[in-house]
Amino acid sequence: MMLGRTKSPAAAKEFRPVKKFPAGAAVADEAHQWEVRPGGMLVQKRDPDAAAAAAAPTIRVRVKYGAAYHEIYLSSQSTFGELKKLLSERSGLHPEDLKMVYKDKERDSSAYLDISGVKDGSKVVVVDDPAGRAKRLLEMRHQAKIAKASNSISQISLEVDKLASQVSELDAVITKGAKVAKKDVVNLIELLMTQLVKLDGIVADGDLKHQKRMQERRVQKYVEKLDVLKKEEAEKPIATPAPPVKAASFGHHTSCPNKEVPRDHNHYRQPMAEDSVPTADADSAHHWLSRARQLVPTALDKARAATGFPRRWKAIISKLERIPPCLSDLSSHPCFAKNALCIELLQSVANALADAIELADRSSEQPCIGKLQMQSDLDALSGKLDLSLRDCSLLIKTGVLGDATLPPVAARSYESSAPPQSNVCELLARLQIGHAEAKHRAVDGLLELMREDEKSVLAVLGRSNISALIQLLTATTPKVREKTATVICLLAESGSCENLLVSEGVLPPLIRLAESGSPVGREKAVVSLQRLSMSVDTARSIVGHGGVRPLIEICQTGDSICQSAAAGTLKNLSAAPEVRQTLAEEGTVKVMINLLDCGIVLGSKEYAAECLQNLTASNDSLRRSVILEGGLRSLLAYLDGPLPQECAVGAVRNLVGSVSAEALVSLGLLPRLVHVLKDGSLGAKQAGASTICRISSSSEMKKLIGEFGCVPLLVRMLETKSNSTREVAAQAIATLISYPQNSREVKKDEKSVPSLVHLLDPGPQNTARKYAISCLLILSSGKRCKKLMISYGAVGYLKKLSEMDVAGARKLLERLQRGKLRSLFSRK
């Protein structure tokens, strides 16, 4: 090679085109097209401006979506994503809802057409992408929630700014020594607490969560400031009283009278003089137990001496007399001093006892305040005592006290320092104890824990906790119902609590929530019903509780998620044969057909097709109803999609027996069956072959089926691994092969005879041999097919089948052996 290169100058002289052409423009132009690289290689000169100026050629791409074709002109250097956008402009489809398939391979949106081999006139198939559509819808919902939360936080921030200026004005007034009405301070506190409740109802993440916490801290700071101002204002005219009993965080609301009544509490506050001195165990369970026991005798004496409303006071006295035994049972529990719930319960009991003493004093004073006000306060006190007694009983008898025990820490810091398992147990216990607001906070904590670590919650969840959650589904506050429904939905989807949920009566409140709840509550309720209805017994119960009508209404008016879940629930209900007539009477058939025609998402259409398949499985009247409503036409139109679903083909199979052959041909059944046998799933192909068996009753129909090319597709199905699929394919071939043209088609196929011989296997799992024998008997009339049967071992199979007395086996064996003997004599 080195010697060859030494002769390169001579060769270069022969290759110089400039010297071969006469002088002129052409020579100059030609000279500019070549250049010598530093290595001595002569190459064509590059012109970057000319390369930039050369535009990529425009090509025509034929895009198929369903049964429609679109011709799109674009640059060959475009991407498949740009092709999707151009298609969406014509069809109205969203680009993210589509997948591009070229040469049987899915193409990424960022892939270039020319690199992938797309040329002028190439065909690209577009199919729906359910995962992409679901992802896009979820992202839209997520962005909408973020925008809503951001707007809510901004509005609350503006309101807090206005209230902050009022707090500053009050502070300035009180600092100057002026008198401020107590009502103004209380109203301002209530306005701030309203904003805090609004913030608590906002679900936010990331930066929004940080903004939400900042606003919460602002509101809490202003509320604390107003509490201080309120206390300072109250201390101005009178001496400093003993501190009141502090209400528990989960305890019961105290009833504050609207009218100030002067009173002296020294005669019953004397035993608690040490309260004004802070001690190391001020928040301990023993401290609050001692305080409650000291208050009980005084409360009883005052209640017995109270005047007016004797019946109400008698009921209150009976409840006060039940408190000492409850306190004794509570204090004797081994976990008494270790549990924050005990401390909070004792705080609430002490608070209720102090209220009882206060009301007894007020009823004895002259003149007494208004009767309606006193009656209302007595009823509130009775309710608080009832709740305290019930909570105490729950703590002791149900084992909640032991389950929710935390390490001995301060009550204010137990939530942050408790281990996760104990924290879960405590949250579950709080679902059963306390007032509605405390239970709301417990649901919030439980929901957050389930999102972080669902397994830890499921590990300790018990029947009583499930029952408490189900009761919260009927709470008066919509937010509580929504969050409880979310927890129930997570439990149902976990797959470990279905029986507990149903046995504790979750179905009626879920159905009511699906019927008349808020959008979020309705969505969670329907998704829960879909998961629970997978059990046939639960499906019957849902129908029995009147759950069909709300589900049908959601299918007609709900959003995509609710519609899909409601259709899935109705599909699950239709799996129970005894409720199918009830579903039809409620109008399910028409609604499912409408979903097939104009469902929002593909999942809804699939559920609708499966529901129709179940409804038409064994009921002739329902089949006629579906056909009269146009269900067969809608099902056939649904089969035009790129991937025919088994449920739709199964529904068509159930209906073809109730329609004439001429009507089936006019509706376009045969080309749809060819599409199913080509592109459908294995189950869809099996249902398609079964449909062919049902419609092949006449020679004319067998002829049409053969002319549409179904026979080779059925022969190909004989090679599948599924025994049931091979059996149905062999049955369809045995039905069609009696027509001569179809028989010739089977003989032409090289794989037909080997596949049919393989189906003669005498094994117990092979159920297709009787149809294989039927086909081979007809094919055995040809010499070529006989030789193929013998060469693939049909004789051995048939001998065993003859011994088993399988119909037709002996006859086919005799034919093959007769031909074999003749061939031997002809050789001799």
Foldseek 3Di string as FASTA:
>chain_A
DVVVVVCVVVVVVVVDVLVVDDDDPVSVVVVQQWDADPVGDIDGDDDVVVVVVDAADKAWEWEDFQPDIDIDIDGQFAFQLVVLVVVCVVVVDDSQQKWKAFPNRTDDRRDGNVVVPNGHHGYIYIATDQVSVVVVVVVVVVVVLAVVLVVLLVVLVVVLVVLVVVLVVLVVCVVVPHADDLVVLVVSLVSLVVSLVSLVLRDDDDPSVVSSVVSNVSSVVSNVSSVVVSVVNVCVPDDDDQDDQDAFPQADDADDFPDDDDDDCCVLCVVVPCSNPDDPCCQWLVNLLVLLVSLLVLLLVLLVPFDDPVVLSVLVNVLSVVVVVLSVLLVPDPLNRQALVSSNLSSLSSNLSVLSNVLSVQRPDPPHPDPVSSVVNSVSSSVSSVQSVVLSCCCRPVVLSVQLGFGRDGSVCRCPPGDPLNNLSVLLSQLVHGDDVSNLVSLVVNLVCCVVPVVSNVVPDDLVSLLSLLVQCPDPDLSSVLSSLQVLLSVLVVVPCLVSNVVSPNQLSLLVCLQDHDLSNVLSSLSSLLSSLLDQVSLVVNVVSVNLLSLLVCCVDNDQSSNLSSLSNLLSSLQHPVCLVVNVVSPLLLSLLVCLVDNPGVSNVVSSLSSLLSSLVPDPVSLVVNVVSVNLLSLLSSLSRQEGDLSSLSSNLSNPLVDDPVVCVVSPVLVSLVSCLVHYDLSNVQSSLSSLLNRLPDLVSLVVNVVSPVLVSLLVQLPDPDLSSVQSSLSSLLSSCVRPVSVVVLVVDPSNLLSLLVLLAPDPSHPNVLSSLSSLVVVLVDPVSLVVSVVSPSLVSLVVVVVVVRPNSVVSNVSSVVVVVVVVVVVD
